[in-house]
Amino acid sequence: MTLHLPNPDGTLRAYEPRTAPPAVPVTGGGSAFTSRTVFSAAHVVADPFADTTPDGPAAVDWDATLAFRRHLWSHGLGVAEAMDTAQRGMGLDWATAAELIRRSAAEARAAGGRIACGVGTDQLTATAAATVTLADVRSAYEEQLAVVEESGAQAILMASRALAATAKGPDDYLEVYGHLLRQAAEPVILHWLGPMFDPALDGYWGSSDLDTATDTFLEVIAAHPDKVDGIKVSLLDAQREIDLRRRLPQGVRCYTGDDFNYPELIAGDDQGFSHALLGIFDPLGPLAAQAVRVLDTGDTEGFRALLDPTVELSRHLFQAPTRYYKTGVVLLAWLSGHQSHFTMVGGLQSARSLPHLARAYELADGLGLFPDPKLAQERMRNLLSLYGVNQ
């Protein structure tokens, strides 16, 4: 049955939805990955019946949220919890994030799944920026680090808006991160999130010059290599990531967070490769898992053949303003049947236009991502009707 999808210029185009079965098995299973460590940064499912406001406490559908994590674990993927994909700093408040961490970590133990959780300073958002000190930033990080470590999850030290606003230069970053790494119980993942994902992080590591910032970042790692499991780089610059990973100390991994260039970065070259911690692996979970298992056999061409066609969808979801990529991710989760509605924490379902959402559907359908193409078609038809597009 034909769908009429809106173009950016206001016209409609006819689209014939896919009728073939999914491109990869819907059910999970299979051996663990052997060549790469792979995390999917997972979204949260909002409670659509909660009486909330965009600036009020987040209301989460815990059953659906945890069920989605079990879906990712069933395919062998690790879960990167309470990251920007879960709307940290964009609707998900720290109190709810802490509960998310505790619940997901407990679920990971029950499911035998791997989990790493974001440690930030977002409890400082209600504090006037002018009054925040480095001591406040350290204390906020410590509070969150304790929650993650007590849950039994691995910690991911996320970039901090409060630190970006408070630090006077590279030395402040060296002091804060050095303090945290010295007290971390287990090796952590350091997360460098670029300003395209969060404009408040411009100038992170004490400089807007990325070469200078990279030197400071590497100085932090070099001073504490035994406390750094790896780094997650989200700068959307493949060559910069390659150059950076070649400078890492022995044993420190690079987890790509580049949602534009992930196939080539994970495949690697004769001097190394990146592991993965990606938001795009939320909607791509089963397909990404199949691709990594092909890579485990040494078949790089087969891996690229599976993953390269997904880049167009990823670049579409993560197009500027990149920080709103979560809207497309949740749309695809709804169309795939992982949740019963298309609403988001903070009302963020309104952050992308209907033409953007329609193109996301078209690209995902063309890739065979939907477990039930008919369900996806009917839900997309309902969304179009809600916007006034008669079929």
Protein backbone atom coordinates (compact mmCIF):
# COMPACT_ATOMS: atom_id res chain seq x y z
CA MET A 1 0.00 0.00 0.00
CA THR A 2 1.46 3.32 -1.07
CA LEU A 3 2.36 5.99 1.47
CA HIS A 4 2.57 9.63 0.52
CA LEU A 5 5.56 11.13 2.32
CA PRO A 6 6.22 14.87 2.64
CA ASN A 7 9.23 16.50 1.02
CA PRO A 8 11.02 19.50 2.58
CA ASP A 9 9.43 21.76 -0.06
CA GLY A 10 5.90 20.79 1.00
CA THR A 11 5.16 18.43 -1.88
CA LEU A 12 4.37 14.75 -1.43
CA ARG A 13 6.11 11.74 -2.93
CA ALA A 14 4.73 8.24 -3.32
CA TYR A 15 6.59 5.50 -1.46
CA GLU A 16 5.96 1.77 -1.68
CA PRO A 17 6.83 0.22 1.72
CA ARG A 18 8.89 -2.92 1.89
CA THR A 19 6.97 -6.17 2.12
CA ALA A 20 9.96 -8.52 2.47
CA PRO A 21 10.83 -9.89 5.93
CA PRO A 22 13.50 -8.17 8.06
CA ALA A 23 17.04 -8.14 6.73
CA VAL A 24 18.38 -9.85 9.87
CA PRO A 25 16.86 -12.23 12.44
CA VAL A 26 14.53 -10.54 14.89
CA THR A 27 15.54 -12.78 17.78
CA GLY A 28 18.95 -12.55 19.38
CA GLY A 29 21.40 -15.22 20.37
CA GLY A 30 24.75 -16.45 19.23
CA SER A 31 28.27 -16.32 20.57
CA ALA A 32 29.90 -13.29 22.13
CA PHE A 33 31.90 -10.95 19.93
CA THR A 34 35.60 -11.77 19.75
CA SER A 35 37.18 -9.01 17.68
CA ARG A 36 35.53 -5.84 19.00
CA THR A 37 33.87 -4.53 22.17
CA VAL A 38 30.60 -2.93 21.12
CA PHE A 39 28.19 -0.80 23.14
CA SER A 40 24.88 0.63 22.03
CA ALA A 41 23.96 3.89 23.74
CA ALA A 42 20.32 3.19 24.52
CA HIS A 43 17.35 5.58 24.59
CA VAL A 44 14.77 5.79 27.36
CA VAL A 45 11.06 5.19 26.83
CA ALA A 46 8.89 7.97 28.25
CA ASP A 47 5.70 7.31 30.18
CA PRO A 48 3.06 8.75 27.80
CA PHE A 49 0.36 8.90 30.49
CA ALA A 50 2.34 10.90 33.04
CA ASP A 51 1.11 14.44 33.74
CA THR A 52 4.42 16.20 33.14
CA THR A 53 5.82 19.38 31.66
CA PRO A 54 8.93 19.78 29.46
CA ASP A 55 10.91 21.31 32.34
CA GLY A 56 9.58 18.99 35.06
CA PRO A 57 11.02 15.71 36.36
CA ALA A 58 11.25 12.98 33.74
CA ALA A 59 8.62 10.25 33.67
CA VAL A 60 9.98 6.94 32.37
CA ASP A 61 8.17 3.77 31.34
CA TRP A 62 10.49 1.42 33.20
CA ASP A 63 9.11 -1.83 31.78
CA ALA A 64 9.54 -0.73 28.17
CA THR A 65 12.91 0.90 28.86
CA LEU A 66 14.36 -2.24 30.44
CA ALA A 67 12.79 -4.48 27.79
CA PHE A 68 14.68 -2.53 25.14
CA ARG A 69 17.94 -3.12 26.97
CA ARG A 70 17.20 -6.85 27.10
CA HIS A 71 16.68 -6.67 23.33
CA LEU A 72 20.16 -5.20 22.86
CA TRP A 73 21.79 -7.71 25.21
CA SER A 74 20.05 -10.58 23.43
CA HIS A 75 22.00 -9.68 20.29
CA GLY A 76 25.32 -9.57 22.16
CA LEU A 77 25.63 -5.79 22.37
CA GLY A 78 26.72 -4.01 25.51
CA VAL A 79 24.53 -1.19 26.80
CA ALA A 80 25.95 2.27 27.39
CA GLU A 81 23.45 3.58 29.90
CA ALA A 82 22.40 7.10 30.88
CA MET A 83 24.35 8.71 28.05
CA ASP A 84 23.28 11.55 25.76
CA THR A 85 21.14 9.07 23.78
CA ALA A 86 19.10 8.67 26.96
CA GLN A 87 18.57 12.46 26.94
CA ARG A 88 21.01 13.32 29.72
CA GLY A 89 20.83 17.09 29.97
CA MET A 90 17.90 17.16 27.53
CA GLY A 91 14.96 16.08 29.68
CA LEU A 92 16.43 13.30 31.82
CA ASP A 93 17.21 14.78 35.24
CA TRP A 94 19.92 13.33 37.50
CA ALA A 95 17.49 11.76 39.99
CA THR A 96 15.84 9.78 37.20
CA ALA A 97 19.20 8.99 35.59
CA ALA A 98 20.42 7.55 38.91
CA GLU A 99 17.35 5.31 39.09
CA LEU A 100 17.91 4.31 35.46
CA ILE A 101 21.49 3.33 36.26
CA ARG A 102 20.48 1.23 39.27
CA ARG A 103 17.62 -0.51 37.45
CA SER A 104 19.61 -1.21 34.29
CA ALA A 105 22.64 -2.48 36.19
CA ALA A 106 20.45 -4.90 38.11
CA GLU A 107 18.83 -6.00 34.85
CA ALA A 108 22.28 -6.49 33.29
CA ARG A 109 23.27 -8.84 36.12
CA ALA A 110 20.09 -10.85 35.63
CA ALA A 111 20.53 -11.01 31.86
CA GLY A 112 24.28 -11.54 31.85
CA GLY A 113 24.71 -8.39 29.77
CA ARG A 114 27.54 -5.89 29.69
CA ILE A 115 26.81 -2.37 30.91
CA ALA A 116 28.67 0.88 31.32
CA CYS A 117 27.00 4.01 32.70
CA GLY A 118 27.48 7.72 32.27
CA VAL A 119 28.98 9.76 35.11
CA GLY A 120 28.47 13.50 34.78
CA THR A 121 27.66 16.64 36.74
CA ASP A 122 24.12 17.40 35.58
CA GLN A 123 22.80 17.73 39.14
CA LEU A 124 24.48 21.16 39.02
CA THR A 125 22.13 22.45 36.31
CA ALA A 126 19.85 24.09 38.84
CA THR A 127 22.77 26.01 40.32
CA ALA A 128 23.64 29.44 38.99
CA ALA A 129 26.66 28.99 36.74
CA ALA A 130 28.47 31.93 38.30
CA THR A 131 28.53 30.23 41.70
CA VAL A 132 29.84 26.81 40.59
CA THR A 133 33.42 26.05 41.60
CA LEU A 134 35.83 23.31 40.62
CA ALA A 135 35.17 21.75 44.00
CA ASP A 136 31.47 21.63 43.15
CA VAL A 137 32.27 19.93 39.85
CA ARG A 138 34.48 17.34 41.57
CA SER A 139 31.81 16.68 44.18
CA ALA A 140 29.10 16.22 41.54
CA TYR A 141 31.27 13.80 39.58
CA GLU A 142 32.07 11.89 42.79
CA GLU A 143 28.40 11.53 43.68
CA GLN A 144 27.59 10.06 40.28
CA LEU A 145 30.69 7.87 40.20
CA ALA A 146 29.65 6.37 43.53
CA VAL A 147 26.17 5.55 42.17
CA VAL A 148 27.62 3.78 39.13
CA GLU A 149 30.27 1.86 41.06
CA GLU A 150 27.79 0.81 43.74
CA SER A 151 25.52 -0.53 40.99
CA GLY A 152 28.33 -2.77 39.73
CA ALA A 153 28.52 -1.09 36.31
CA GLN A 154 31.57 0.28 34.54
CA ALA A 155 31.86 4.06 34.67
CA ILE A 156 31.98 6.38 31.68
CA LEU A 157 33.27 9.82 32.67
CA MET A 158 31.16 12.09 30.50
CA ALA A 159 32.08 15.59 29.44
CA SER A 160 30.68 18.15 31.90
CA ARG A 161 28.91 21.37 30.96
CA ALA A 162 29.68 22.69 34.43
CA LEU A 163 33.40 21.97 34.02
CA ALA A 164 33.42 23.58 30.57
CA ALA A 165 31.88 26.72 32.09
CA THR A 166 34.07 26.78 35.20
CA ALA A 167 37.54 25.65 34.06
CA LYS A 168 40.02 28.45 33.37
CA GLY A 169 42.29 26.33 31.21
CA PRO A 170 43.84 22.87 30.65
CA ASP A 171 45.25 22.63 34.18
CA ASP A 172 41.75 22.60 35.66
CA TYR A 173 40.82 19.63 33.48
CA LEU A 174 44.01 17.82 34.47
CA GLU A 175 43.26 18.44 38.14
CA VAL A 176 39.59 17.35 38.05
CA TYR A 177 40.10 14.26 35.89
CA GLY A 178 43.26 13.27 37.75
CA HIS A 179 41.36 13.44 41.04
CA LEU A 180 38.55 11.26 39.70
CA LEU A 181 40.81 8.69 38.07
CA ARG A 182 42.88 8.27 41.22
CA GLN A 183 39.79 7.35 43.20
CA ALA A 184 38.01 5.23 40.57
CA ALA A 185 37.76 1.63 41.71
CA GLU A 186 38.05 0.18 38.20
CA PRO A 187 39.25 1.47 34.80
CA VAL A 188 36.81 3.91 33.26
CA ILE A 189 35.94 5.10 29.77
CA LEU A 190 36.64 8.78 29.10
CA HIS A 191 34.07 10.46 26.88
CA TRP A 192 34.91 13.41 24.64
CA LEU A 193 31.66 14.75 23.23
CA GLY A 194 32.04 17.45 20.62
CA PRO A 195 30.04 20.71 20.47
CA MET A 196 28.00 19.43 17.53
CA PHE A 197 26.32 17.14 20.08
CA ASP A 198 26.24 19.77 22.83
CA PRO A 199 27.17 23.40 22.12
CA ALA A 200 27.86 23.95 25.84
CA LEU A 201 30.95 21.73 25.48
CA ASP A 202 32.76 24.01 23.07
CA GLY A 203 36.37 24.46 24.17
CA TYR A 204 36.47 21.27 26.21
CA TRP A 205 39.87 20.26 27.59
CA GLY A 206 40.66 23.95 27.86
CA SER A 207 40.88 24.99 24.21
CA SER A 208 38.73 25.42 21.11
CA ASP A 209 41.77 24.35 19.08
CA LEU A 210 41.29 20.61 18.70
CA ASP A 211 45.01 19.87 18.43
CA THR A 212 45.66 21.62 21.73
CA ALA A 213 42.63 19.96 23.33
CA THR A 214 43.84 16.56 22.11
CA ASP A 215 47.21 17.08 23.77
CA THR A 216 45.52 17.80 27.11
CA PHE A 217 43.22 14.79 26.70
CA LEU A 218 46.21 12.55 26.06
CA GLU A 219 48.05 14.05 29.03
CA VAL A 220 45.19 12.98 31.30
CA ILE A 221 45.38 9.43 29.94
CA ALA A 222 49.17 9.22 30.06
CA ALA A 223 49.17 10.16 33.74
CA HIS A 224 46.70 7.38 34.64
CA PRO A 225 46.85 4.65 31.95
CA ASP A 226 45.95 1.92 34.44
CA LYS A 227 42.67 3.69 35.25
CA VAL A 228 41.55 4.25 31.64
CA ASP A 229 39.95 1.29 29.89
CA GLY A 230 39.36 3.39 26.82
CA ILE A 231 38.14 6.62 25.31
CA LYS A 232 34.94 7.40 23.48
CA VAL A 233 35.44 10.04 20.80
CA SER A 234 32.40 11.83 19.34
CA LEU A 235 33.84 14.52 17.08
CA LEU A 236 32.50 13.28 13.71
CA ASP A 237 36.02 13.53 12.26
CA ALA A 238 37.33 10.15 11.16
CA GLN A 239 40.93 11.16 10.51
CA ARG A 240 41.21 12.94 13.86
CA GLU A 241 39.98 9.80 15.60
CA ILE A 242 42.47 7.64 13.70
CA ASP A 243 45.32 9.99 14.59
CA LEU A 244 44.23 10.02 18.23
CA ARG A 245 43.91 6.27 18.62
CA ARG A 246 47.42 5.81 17.22
CA ARG A 247 48.72 7.97 20.09
CA LEU A 248 46.98 6.07 22.89
CA PRO A 249 49.06 4.18 25.45
CA GLN A 250 49.26 0.42 25.00
CA GLY A 251 46.11 -1.23 26.31
CA VAL A 252 43.85 1.85 26.15
CA ARG A 253 41.02 1.28 23.70
CA CYS A 254 39.38 3.74 21.35
CA TYR A 255 35.59 3.41 21.25
CA THR A 256 34.30 5.26 18.24
CA GLY A 257 31.37 7.56 18.81
CA ASP A 258 31.47 8.77 15.19
CA ASP A 259 27.98 8.19 13.82
CA PHE A 260 29.10 9.40 10.39
CA ASN A 261 32.11 7.14 9.78
CA TYR A 262 31.71 4.11 12.04
CA PRO A 263 32.09 1.28 9.49
CA GLU A 264 35.59 2.32 8.40
CA LEU A 265 36.68 3.16 11.95
CA ILE A 266 35.54 -0.18 13.37
CA ALA A 267 37.00 -2.10 10.42
CA GLY A 268 40.32 -0.33 11.01
CA ASP A 269 43.54 -0.39 9.07
CA ASP A 270 46.96 -2.02 9.32
CA GLN A 271 47.76 0.16 12.34
CA GLY A 272 44.69 -0.50 14.44
CA PHE A 273 40.93 -0.16 14.78
CA SER A 274 38.22 1.33 16.95
CA HIS A 275 35.79 -0.49 19.18
CA ALA A 276 32.33 1.07 19.33
CA LEU A 277 30.04 3.03 21.63
CA LEU A 278 27.39 4.42 19.32
CA GLY A 279 23.94 5.95 19.45
CA ILE A 280 23.18 4.65 15.97
CA PHE A 281 23.53 1.09 17.27
CA ASP A 282 20.26 1.66 19.15
CA PRO A 283 18.12 1.34 15.97
CA LEU A 284 20.73 -0.80 14.19
CA GLY A 285 21.19 -3.30 17.03
CA PRO A 286 20.50 -6.65 15.30
CA LEU A 287 22.13 -5.60 12.03
CA ALA A 288 25.17 -4.17 13.83
CA ALA A 289 25.55 -7.38 15.82
CA GLN A 290 25.41 -9.50 12.67
CA ALA A 291 28.04 -7.29 11.03
CA VAL A 292 30.42 -7.59 13.99
CA ARG A 293 30.07 -11.37 13.99
CA VAL A 294 31.06 -11.35 10.33
CA LEU A 295 34.05 -9.21 11.25
CA ASP A 296 34.94 -11.74 13.95
CA THR A 297 35.59 -14.26 11.17
CA GLY A 298 38.10 -11.89 9.56
CA ASP A 299 35.74 -10.96 6.74
CA THR A 300 36.18 -7.19 6.64
CA GLU A 301 34.53 -6.88 3.24
CA GLY A 302 31.46 -8.73 4.49
CA PHE A 303 31.33 -6.48 7.53
CA ARG A 304 31.46 -3.36 5.37
CA ALA A 305 28.87 -4.79 2.97
CA LEU A 306 26.41 -5.07 5.86
CA LEU A 307 27.20 -1.81 7.65
CA ASP A 308 28.12 0.66 4.89
CA PRO A 309 24.51 0.91 3.57
CA THR A 310 23.36 2.09 7.02
CA VAL A 311 25.51 5.23 6.96
CA GLU A 312 22.99 7.25 4.94
CA LEU A 313 20.36 6.64 7.63
CA SER A 314 22.80 7.49 10.41
CA ARG A 315 23.94 10.71 8.76
CA HIS A 316 20.31 11.66 8.30
CA LEU A 317 19.42 11.05 11.95
CA PHE A 318 22.54 12.88 13.16
CA GLN A 319 22.33 15.84 10.78
CA ALA A 320 22.58 19.32 12.29
CA PRO A 321 21.43 20.23 14.83
CA THR A 322 22.98 16.90 15.83
CA ARG A 323 21.82 17.00 19.45
CA TYR A 324 18.28 16.22 18.27
CA TYR A 325 19.20 12.84 16.80
CA LYS A 326 17.34 11.13 19.67
CA THR A 327 14.01 12.03 18.06
CA GLY A 328 14.73 9.86 15.03
CA VAL A 329 16.07 7.07 17.23
CA VAL A 330 12.83 6.96 19.24
CA LEU A 331 10.72 7.18 16.09
CA LEU A 332 12.42 4.04 14.77
CA ALA A 333 11.97 2.25 18.11
CA TRP A 334 8.25 2.97 17.93
CA LEU A 335 7.98 1.89 14.30
CA SER A 336 9.90 -1.28 15.17
CA GLY A 337 7.43 -2.19 17.92
CA HIS A 338 9.79 -1.69 20.86
CA GLN A 339 7.38 0.81 22.41
CA SER A 340 3.71 1.58 21.99
CA HIS A 341 3.93 5.32 21.37
CA PHE A 342 6.04 8.11 19.89
CA THR A 343 6.48 10.42 22.84
CA MET A 344 9.72 11.44 24.52
CA VAL A 345 10.96 12.83 27.80
CA GLY A 346 10.64 16.61 27.68
CA GLY A 347 8.38 16.49 24.62
CA LEU A 348 11.41 16.06 22.37
CA GLN A 349 9.35 14.18 19.77
CA SER A 350 8.62 17.63 18.36
CA ALA A 351 12.33 18.42 17.79
CA ARG A 352 12.42 17.15 14.19
CA SER A 353 10.21 18.05 11.26
CA LEU A 354 7.76 15.69 9.59
CA PRO A 355 9.85 15.55 6.38
CA HIS A 356 12.86 14.53 8.48
CA LEU A 357 10.89 11.78 10.22
CA ALA A 358 9.42 10.57 6.93
CA ARG A 359 12.88 10.25 5.39
CA ALA A 360 14.09 8.34 8.46
CA TYR A 361 11.22 5.89 8.00
CA GLU A 362 11.95 5.51 4.29
CA LEU A 363 15.66 4.84 4.82
CA ALA A 364 15.08 2.39 7.69
CA ASP A 365 12.40 0.55 5.73
CA GLY A 366 14.73 0.28 2.74
CA LEU A 367 17.37 -1.32 4.98
CA GLY A 368 14.88 -3.89 6.26
CA LEU A 369 15.23 -2.75 9.87
CA PHE A 370 11.61 -3.20 10.89
CA PRO A 371 10.74 -6.59 12.45
CA ASP A 372 7.16 -6.13 11.25
CA PRO A 373 7.10 -3.93 8.11
CA LYS A 374 3.31 -3.84 8.12
CA LEU A 375 3.22 -2.50 11.69
CA ALA A 376 5.79 0.14 10.80
CA GLN A 377 3.74 1.15 7.76
CA GLU A 378 0.53 1.48 9.75
CA ARG A 379 2.20 3.49 12.48
CA MET A 380 3.81 5.79 9.94
CA ARG A 381 0.43 6.24 8.26
CA ASN A 382 -1.07 7.23 11.62
CA LEU A 383 1.71 9.74 12.23
CA LEU A 384 1.23 11.28 8.79
CA SER A 385 -2.51 11.53 9.40
CA LEU A 386 -1.89 13.25 12.74
CA TYR A 387 0.10 15.90 10.88
CA GLY A 388 -2.67 16.33 8.34
CA VAL A 389 -1.20 14.33 5.46
CA ASN A 390 -4.13 12.49 3.91
CA GLN A 391 -3.32 9.14 2.31
